[in-house]
Amino acid sequence: VNGGTRGVIFAGTKRGFYFSQDAGGHWKTSSESLVGTSIHVIYVDFHKPTTVFVGTDVGALRSDDSGQTWSGIGPGMPKDQPVYSLTWGTGDYSQLFAAADDVYLYPGTSGGLTLNRLIAIVIAALFFYLLYRLARRRRKVRNPERTLEQTKGGEERSEKDSVV
């Protein structure tokens, strides 16, 4: 993967993370070596080319110094499970998504809870609450002592069936 800076290349293998600062002439490992860790994906933040994300067998990691040192990304990201893909989620590059066995979201620096997101969450919760209440209202109560009558279609119908 091109590191966004001229001559910088990143490579991930089943044996770890490697980088070159001379267009592939020489390769190095980071000072905090990921040797022995399978690297499934490398994702470079092209707005800040020294920031690199990797998906590994043990989760998603972040480096702010072109792969020299590594740390966990933060809450909301998978830990202790393989991460196979990483991508930005919005146009302003404030959310990072990771695909593992499930999909995870890291809010990033500007992707926290905003008023618009809060309103959308409240509206969705209200919608599902109303849908639940409507479905519950239409459910018929079955009374074992009811009297049955035949309808034209041959169905049995109770005079005591009622809507709750």
C-alpha atoms as a PDB file:
ATOM      1  CA  VAL A   1       0.000   0.000   0.000  1.00  0.00           C
ATOM      2  CA  ASN A   2       1.341   3.419  -0.903  1.00  0.00           C
ATOM      3  CA  GLY A   3       1.790   5.351   2.326  1.00  0.00           C
ATOM      4  CA  GLY A   4       0.638   8.681   0.920  1.00  0.00           C
ATOM      5  CA  THR A   5       4.159  10.106   1.177  1.00  0.00           C
ATOM      6  CA  ARG A   6       6.548   9.787  -1.733  1.00  0.00           C
ATOM      7  CA  GLY A   7       8.610   6.598  -1.470  1.00  0.00           C
ATOM      8  CA  VAL A   8       6.716   5.191   1.550  1.00  0.00           C
ATOM      9  CA  ILE A   9       5.181   1.738   1.074  1.00  0.00           C
ATOM     10  CA  PHE A  10       3.425  -0.439   3.654  1.00  0.00           C
ATOM     11  CA  ALA A  11       3.059  -4.210   3.389  1.00  0.00           C
ATOM     12  CA  GLY A  12       1.108  -6.632   5.524  1.00  0.00           C
ATOM     13  CA  THR A  13       1.787 -10.355   5.499  1.00  0.00           C
ATOM     14  CA  LYS A  14       1.012 -13.438   7.561  1.00  0.00           C
ATOM     15  CA  ARG A  15       4.276 -12.686   9.334  1.00  0.00           C
ATOM     16  CA  GLY A  16       3.632  -9.061  10.263  1.00  0.00           C
ATOM     17  CA  PHE A  17       3.773  -5.429   9.137  1.00  0.00           C
ATOM     18  CA  TYR A  18       6.644  -4.036   7.076  1.00  0.00           C
ATOM     19  CA  PHE A  19       7.388  -0.630   5.608  1.00  0.00           C
ATOM     20  CA  SER A  20       9.814   0.910   3.179  1.00  0.00           C
ATOM     21  CA  GLN A  21      10.813   4.563   3.009  1.00  0.00           C
ATOM     22  CA  ASP A  22      12.773   4.212  -0.232  1.00  0.00           C
ATOM     23  CA  ALA A  23      10.105   2.873  -2.621  1.00  0.00           C
ATOM     24  CA  GLY A  24      10.766  -0.770  -1.709  1.00  0.00           C
ATOM     25  CA  GLY A  25      14.566  -0.724  -1.768  1.00  0.00           C
ATOM     26  CA  HIS A  26      14.809  -1.693   1.905  1.00  0.00           C
ATOM     27  CA  TRP A  27      12.179  -3.044   4.279  1.00  0.00           C
ATOM     28  CA  LYS A  28      11.869  -2.617   8.065  1.00  0.00           C
ATOM     29  CA  THR A  29       9.576  -3.725  10.847  1.00  0.00           C
ATOM     30  CA  SER A  30       8.238  -1.291  13.411  1.00  0.00           C
ATOM     31  CA  SER A  31       9.926  -0.756  16.756  1.00  0.00           C
ATOM     32  CA  GLU A  32       6.852  -2.407  18.315  1.00  0.00           C
ATOM     33  CA  SER A  33       7.040  -5.362  16.020  1.00  0.00           C
ATOM     34  CA  LEU A  34       3.926  -7.048  14.751  1.00  0.00           C
ATOM     35  CA  VAL A  35       6.070  -9.981  13.617  1.00  0.00           C
ATOM     36  CA  GLY A  36       4.041 -13.169  13.780  1.00  0.00           C
ATOM     37  CA  THR A  37       0.742 -11.283  13.548  1.00  0.00           C
ATOM     38  CA  SER A  38      -1.251 -11.741  10.354  1.00  0.00           C
ATOM     39  CA  ILE A  39      -2.088  -8.406   8.742  1.00  0.00           C
ATOM     40  CA  HIS A  40      -5.337  -8.664   6.747  1.00  0.00           C
ATOM     41  CA  VAL A  41      -5.775  -5.029   5.746  1.00  0.00           C
ATOM     42  CA  ILE A  42      -3.813  -1.762   5.817  1.00  0.00           C
ATOM     43  CA  TYR A  43      -5.679   1.521   5.673  1.00  0.00           C
ATOM     44  CA  VAL A  44      -3.866   4.872   5.397  1.00  0.00           C
ATOM     45  CA  ASP A  45      -5.491   8.141   6.466  1.00  0.00           C
ATOM     46  CA  PHE A  46      -4.626  10.251   3.430  1.00  0.00           C
ATOM     47  CA  HIS A  47      -5.589  13.422   5.297  1.00  0.00           C
ATOM     48  CA  LYS A  48      -2.793  12.606   7.739  1.00  0.00           C
ATOM     49  CA  PRO A  49      -0.483  10.123   5.939  1.00  0.00           C
ATOM     50  CA  THR A  50       1.473   9.249   9.083  1.00  0.00           C
ATOM     51  CA  THR A  51      -1.701   7.663  10.522  1.00  0.00           C
ATOM     52  CA  VAL A  52      -2.055   4.015   9.524  1.00  0.00           C
ATOM     53  CA  PHE A  53      -4.710   1.499  10.572  1.00  0.00           C
ATOM     54  CA  VAL A  54      -4.287  -2.270  10.302  1.00  0.00           C
ATOM     55  CA  GLY A  55      -6.696  -5.157  10.683  1.00  0.00           C
ATOM     56  CA  THR A  56      -4.945  -8.116  12.294  1.00  0.00           C
ATOM     57  CA  ASP A  57      -5.781 -11.509  13.779  1.00  0.00           C
ATOM     58  CA  VAL A  58      -6.042  -9.805  17.189  1.00  0.00           C
ATOM     59  CA  GLY A  59      -8.136  -6.762  16.258  1.00  0.00           C
ATOM     60  CA  ALA A  60      -7.679  -3.326  14.731  1.00  0.00           C
ATOM     61  CA  LEU A  61      -4.610  -1.238  15.558  1.00  0.00           C
ATOM     62  CA  ARG A  62      -3.563   2.347  14.871  1.00  0.00           C
ATOM     63  CA  SER A  63      -0.191   3.991  14.334  1.00  0.00           C
ATOM     64  CA  ASP A  64       0.291   7.762  14.290  1.00  0.00           C
ATOM     65  CA  ASP A  65       3.955   7.549  13.256  1.00  0.00           C
ATOM     66  CA  SER A  66       3.874   5.640   9.945  1.00  0.00           C
ATOM     67  CA  GLY A  67       3.907   2.215  11.566  1.00  0.00           C
ATOM     68  CA  GLN A  68       6.684   2.711  14.126  1.00  0.00           C
ATOM     69  CA  THR A  69       4.438   2.185  17.181  1.00  0.00           C
ATOM     70  CA  TRP A  70       0.965   0.659  17.513  1.00  0.00           C
ATOM     71  CA  SER A  71      -1.998   0.966  19.870  1.00  0.00           C
ATOM     72  CA  GLY A  72      -5.602  -0.136  20.024  1.00  0.00           C
ATOM     73  CA  ILE A  73      -7.966   2.177  18.186  1.00  0.00           C
ATOM     74  CA  GLY A  74     -10.538   2.754  20.899  1.00  0.00           C
ATOM     75  CA  PRO A  75     -13.946   1.762  22.178  1.00  0.00           C
ATOM     76  CA  GLY A  76     -16.293   0.319  19.617  1.00  0.00           C
ATOM     77  CA  MET A  77     -13.626  -1.607  17.733  1.00  0.00           C
ATOM     78  CA  PRO A  78     -13.133  -5.374  17.852  1.00  0.00           C
ATOM     79  CA  LYS A  79     -10.520  -6.852  20.162  1.00  0.00           C
ATOM     80  CA  ASP A  80      -9.112 -10.367  20.192  1.00  0.00           C
ATOM     81  CA  GLN A  81     -10.718 -11.297  16.874  1.00  0.00           C
ATOM     82  CA  PRO A  82      -9.634 -10.989  13.242  1.00  0.00           C
ATOM     83  CA  VAL A  83     -10.416  -7.754  11.380  1.00  0.00           C
ATOM     84  CA  TYR A  84     -10.639  -8.291   7.630  1.00  0.00           C
ATOM     85  CA  SER A  85     -11.583  -4.872   6.299  1.00  0.00           C
ATOM     86  CA  LEU A  86     -11.463  -1.195   7.294  1.00  0.00           C
ATOM     87  CA  THR A  87     -13.119   1.779   5.618  1.00  0.00           C
ATOM     88  CA  TRP A  88     -14.271   5.330   6.280  1.00  0.00           C
ATOM     89  CA  GLY A  89     -17.987   5.623   6.863  1.00  0.00           C
ATOM     90  CA  THR A  90     -18.855   9.232   6.059  1.00  0.00           C
ATOM     91  CA  GLY A  91     -17.817  11.957   3.673  1.00  0.00           C
ATOM     92  CA  ASP A  92     -15.976  13.906   6.357  1.00  0.00           C
ATOM     93  CA  TYR A  93     -13.827  10.898   7.373  1.00  0.00           C
ATOM     94  CA  SER A  94     -15.025  10.980  10.969  1.00  0.00           C
ATOM     95  CA  GLN A  95     -16.089   7.334  11.296  1.00  0.00           C
ATOM     96  CA  LEU A  96     -14.022   4.220  10.752  1.00  0.00           C
ATOM     97  CA  PHE A  97     -15.815   0.915  10.152  1.00  0.00           C
ATOM     98  CA  ALA A  98     -14.190  -2.461  10.756  1.00  0.00           C
ATOM     99  CA  ALA A  99     -15.507  -5.764   9.431  1.00  0.00           C
ATOM    100  CA  ALA A 100     -14.816  -8.786  11.596  1.00  0.00           C
ATOM    101  CA  ASP A 101     -17.415 -11.407  12.430  1.00  0.00           C
ATOM    102  CA  ASP A 102     -19.672  -8.361  12.935  1.00  0.00           C
ATOM    103  CA  VAL A 103     -19.371  -4.752  11.772  1.00  0.00           C
ATOM    104  CA  TYR A 104     -17.878  -2.291  14.240  1.00  0.00           C
ATOM    105  CA  LEU A 105     -17.811   1.490  14.224  1.00  0.00           C
ATOM    106  CA  TYR A 106     -15.173   3.775  15.677  1.00  0.00           C
ATOM    107  CA  PRO A 107     -16.539   7.306  15.950  1.00  0.00           C
ATOM    108  CA  GLY A 108     -13.216   9.040  15.412  1.00  0.00           C
ATOM    109  CA  THR A 109     -12.450  12.543  16.584  1.00  0.00           C
ATOM    110  CA  SER A 110     -15.508  14.291  15.169  1.00  0.00           C
ATOM    111  CA  GLY A 111     -17.971  11.433  14.873  1.00  0.00           C
ATOM    112  CA  GLY A 112     -19.483  11.546  18.356  1.00  0.00           C
ATOM    113  CA  LEU A 113     -23.133  11.927  19.248  1.00  0.00           C
ATOM    114  CA  THR A 114     -24.486  15.009  17.517  1.00  0.00           C
ATOM    115  CA  LEU A 115     -27.928  16.550  17.789  1.00  0.00           C
ATOM    116  CA  ASN A 116     -28.885  15.141  14.368  1.00  0.00           C
ATOM    117  CA  ARG A 117     -27.840  11.617  15.376  1.00  0.00           C
ATOM    118  CA  LEU A 118     -29.679  11.919  18.678  1.00  0.00           C
ATOM    119  CA  ILE A 119     -32.860  13.051  16.897  1.00  0.00           C
ATOM    120  CA  ALA A 120     -32.587  10.144  14.431  1.00  0.00           C
ATOM    121  CA  ILE A 121     -32.142   7.653  17.289  1.00  0.00           C
ATOM    122  CA  VAL A 122     -35.132   9.074  19.194  1.00  0.00           C
ATOM    123  CA  ILE A 123     -37.335   9.006  16.068  1.00  0.00           C
ATOM    124  CA  ALA A 124     -36.353   5.392  15.310  1.00  0.00           C
ATOM    125  CA  ALA A 125     -37.024   4.336  18.915  1.00  0.00           C
ATOM    126  CA  LEU A 126     -40.398   6.106  18.888  1.00  0.00           C
ATOM    127  CA  PHE A 127     -41.326   4.484  15.568  1.00  0.00           C
ATOM    128  CA  PHE A 128     -40.579   0.979  16.847  1.00  0.00           C
ATOM    129  CA  TYR A 129     -42.399   1.665  20.125  1.00  0.00           C
ATOM    130  CA  LEU A 130     -45.513   2.808  18.233  1.00  0.00           C
ATOM    131  CA  LEU A 131     -45.263  -0.181  15.899  1.00  0.00           C
ATOM    132  CA  TYR A 132     -45.099  -2.483  18.938  1.00  0.00           C
ATOM    133  CA  ARG A 133     -48.137  -0.811  20.539  1.00  0.00           C
ATOM    134  CA  LEU A 134     -50.126  -1.021  17.293  1.00  0.00           C
ATOM    135  CA  ALA A 135     -49.303  -4.711  16.833  1.00  0.00           C
ATOM    136  CA  ARG A 136     -50.260  -5.413  20.433  1.00  0.00           C
ATOM    137  CA  ARG A 137     -53.546  -3.578  20.016  1.00  0.00           C
ATOM    138  CA  ARG A 138     -54.568  -5.652  17.032  1.00  0.00           C
ATOM    139  CA  ARG A 139     -53.798  -8.955  18.683  1.00  0.00           C
ATOM    140  CA  LYS A 140     -56.986 -10.825  19.504  1.00  0.00           C
ATOM    141  CA  VAL A 141     -57.629 -12.190  22.943  1.00  0.00           C
ATOM    142  CA  ARG A 142     -58.719 -15.821  22.780  1.00  0.00           C
ATOM    143  CA  ASN A 143     -61.384 -16.787  25.286  1.00  0.00           C
ATOM    144  CA  PRO A 144     -61.971 -20.524  25.791  1.00  0.00           C
ATOM    145  CA  GLU A 145     -65.634 -19.932  26.799  1.00  0.00           C
ATOM    146  CA  ARG A 146     -66.558 -18.155  23.560  1.00  0.00           C
ATOM    147  CA  THR A 147     -69.462 -19.099  21.341  1.00  0.00           C
ATOM    148  CA  LEU A 148     -68.478 -19.905  17.785  1.00  0.00           C
ATOM    149  CA  GLU A 149     -70.365 -19.114  14.639  1.00  0.00           C
ATOM    150  CA  GLN A 150     -69.692 -20.094  11.062  1.00  0.00           C
ATOM    151  CA  THR A 151     -68.794 -17.383   8.577  1.00  0.00           C
ATOM    152  CA  LYS A 152     -69.542 -17.615   4.866  1.00  0.00           C
ATOM    153  CA  GLY A 153     -65.958 -18.758   4.173  1.00  0.00           C
ATOM    154  CA  GLY A 154     -66.277 -21.617   6.633  1.00  0.00           C
ATOM    155  CA  GLU A 155     -64.112 -19.983   9.304  1.00  0.00           C
ATOM    156  CA  GLU A 156     -65.156 -20.097  12.904  1.00  0.00           C
ATOM    157  CA  ARG A 157     -65.540 -16.742  14.572  1.00  0.00           C
ATOM    158  CA  SER A 158     -66.314 -15.867  18.155  1.00  0.00           C
ATOM    159  CA  GLU A 159     -68.726 -13.192  19.222  1.00  0.00           C
ATOM    160  CA  LYS A 160     -66.458 -12.562  22.197  1.00  0.00           C
ATOM    161  CA  ASP A 161     -63.219 -12.125  20.166  1.00  0.00           C
ATOM    162  CA  SER A 162     -62.176  -8.586  20.819  1.00  0.00           C
ATOM    163  CA  VAL A 163     -59.385  -6.222  20.051  1.00  0.00           C
ATOM    164  CA  VAL A 164     -57.250  -5.232  23.035  1.00  0.00           C
END
